[in-house]
Protein backbone atom coordinates (compact mmCIF):
# COMPACT_ATOMS: atom_id res chain seq x y z
CA UNK A 1 -15.86 16.15 2.52
CA UNK A 2 -14.19 15.16 -0.69
CA UNK A 3 -14.11 11.81 -2.18
CA UNK A 4 -10.02 11.55 -1.94
CA UNK A 5 -10.92 12.25 1.94
CA UNK A 6 -13.11 9.09 1.88
CA UNK A 7 -10.83 6.72 -0.01
CA UNK A 8 -8.26 7.71 2.55
CA UNK A 9 -9.90 7.62 4.91
CA UNK A 10 -11.24 4.02 4.13
CA UNK A 11 -7.94 2.81 4.09
CA UNK A 12 -6.63 4.31 7.36
CA UNK A 13 -9.77 3.02 9.31
CA UNK A 14 -8.29 -0.94 8.10
CA UNK A 15 -5.06 -0.05 10.23
CA UNK A 16 -4.64 -2.40 12.74
CA UNK A 17 -4.73 -1.57 16.62
CA UNK A 18 -0.65 -1.58 17.05
CA UNK A 19 0.32 -1.09 13.78
CA UNK A 20 0.75 1.72 11.71
CA UNK A 21 1.27 2.58 8.15
CA UNK A 22 3.28 5.42 6.33
CA UNK A 23 1.29 8.05 4.46
CA UNK A 24 3.96 7.20 1.22
CA UNK A 25 2.07 3.43 1.72
CA UNK A 26 -1.77 5.12 2.00
CA UNK A 27 -0.83 7.02 -1.01
CA UNK A 28 0.53 3.55 -2.62
CA UNK A 29 -2.72 2.09 -1.49
CA UNK A 30 -4.87 4.81 -3.41
CA UNK A 31 -2.34 3.53 -6.52
CA UNK A 32 -0.19 6.61 -6.61
CA UNK A 33 2.84 7.21 -4.24
CA UNK A 34 3.33 10.83 -5.22
CA UNK A 35 0.03 11.38 -3.06
CA UNK A 36 1.73 11.08 0.03
CA UNK A 37 1.53 14.86 0.89
CA UNK A 38 -2.26 15.18 -0.12
CA UNK A 39 -2.72 11.88 2.42
CA UNK A 40 -1.57 14.15 5.48
CA UNK A 41 -3.74 16.95 4.17
CA UNK A 42 -6.40 14.68 4.01
CA UNK A 43 -5.94 13.55 7.34
CA UNK A 44 -5.17 16.39 9.04
CA UNK A 45 -8.63 17.75 8.54
CA UNK A 46 -10.13 14.67 10.59
CA UNK A 47 -12.45 15.35 12.70
CA UNK A 48 -13.97 11.47 13.24
CA UNK A 49 -12.48 9.76 16.25
CA UNK A 50 -13.36 7.02 14.52
CA UNK A 51 -10.74 7.29 11.59
CA UNK A 52 -7.02 6.51 13.56
CA UNK A 53 -5.35 8.94 11.58
CA UNK A 54 -2.46 8.73 14.57
CA UNK A 55 -1.68 5.31 13.56
CA UNK A 56 0.22 7.09 10.12
CA UNK A 57 3.68 8.22 10.50
CA UNK A 58 6.51 9.36 8.24
CA UNK A 59 8.35 7.41 5.89
CA UNK A 60 11.15 8.15 8.39
CA UNK A 61 9.54 6.46 10.98
CA UNK A 62 9.05 9.64 12.80
CA UNK A 63 5.95 10.48 14.14
CA UNK A 64 4.99 12.99 11.72
CA UNK A 65 1.98 15.25 12.46
CA UNK A 66 -1.04 14.99 14.15
CA UNK A 67 -4.22 17.42 15.11
CA UNK A 68 -3.95 16.76 18.55
CA UNK A 69 -0.09 17.50 18.76
CA UNK A 70 2.66 14.35 18.54
CA UNK A 71 2.75 13.97 22.52
CA UNK A 72 -0.87 13.01 22.06
CA UNK A 73 -0.38 10.95 18.90
CA UNK A 74 2.78 9.31 20.99
CA UNK A 75 0.58 8.70 24.05
CA UNK A 76 -2.11 6.83 21.92
CA UNK A 77 0.25 4.55 20.14
CA UNK A 78 2.31 3.70 22.90
CA UNK A 79 -1.21 2.56 24.58
CA UNK A 80 -1.96 0.64 21.19
CA UNK A 81 1.73 -1.38 21.62
CA UNK A 82 3.57 0.92 19.16
CA UNK A 83 7.22 0.79 19.65
CA UNK A 84 8.36 4.60 20.05
CA UNK A 85 11.78 5.70 21.17
CA UNK A 86 12.09 9.83 20.99
CA UNK A 87 9.78 10.39 18.26
CA UNK A 88 10.77 6.88 15.91
CA UNK A 89 8.81 4.49 15.59
CA UNK A 90 11.22 1.27 16.08
CA UNK A 91 10.43 -2.92 15.83
């Protein structure tokens, strides 16, 4: 695991149950908003269930990718109390 991936995972571990951050928000916390794609790539490589990758979504509110598929991501987020309509988060 690279140092960058460790930093991404440390941020994502802090996202509370029932809440989400965007890939861009994670990148901003890393100090560079242009790293959003790299954040997504790092999360796609994650195999550790202790890192809640499912809590990171696209900036447009859509679910985004997930290693186990978007249906699984939606199911987990709903179970955590996140409101989803179709393929999009709403408040």
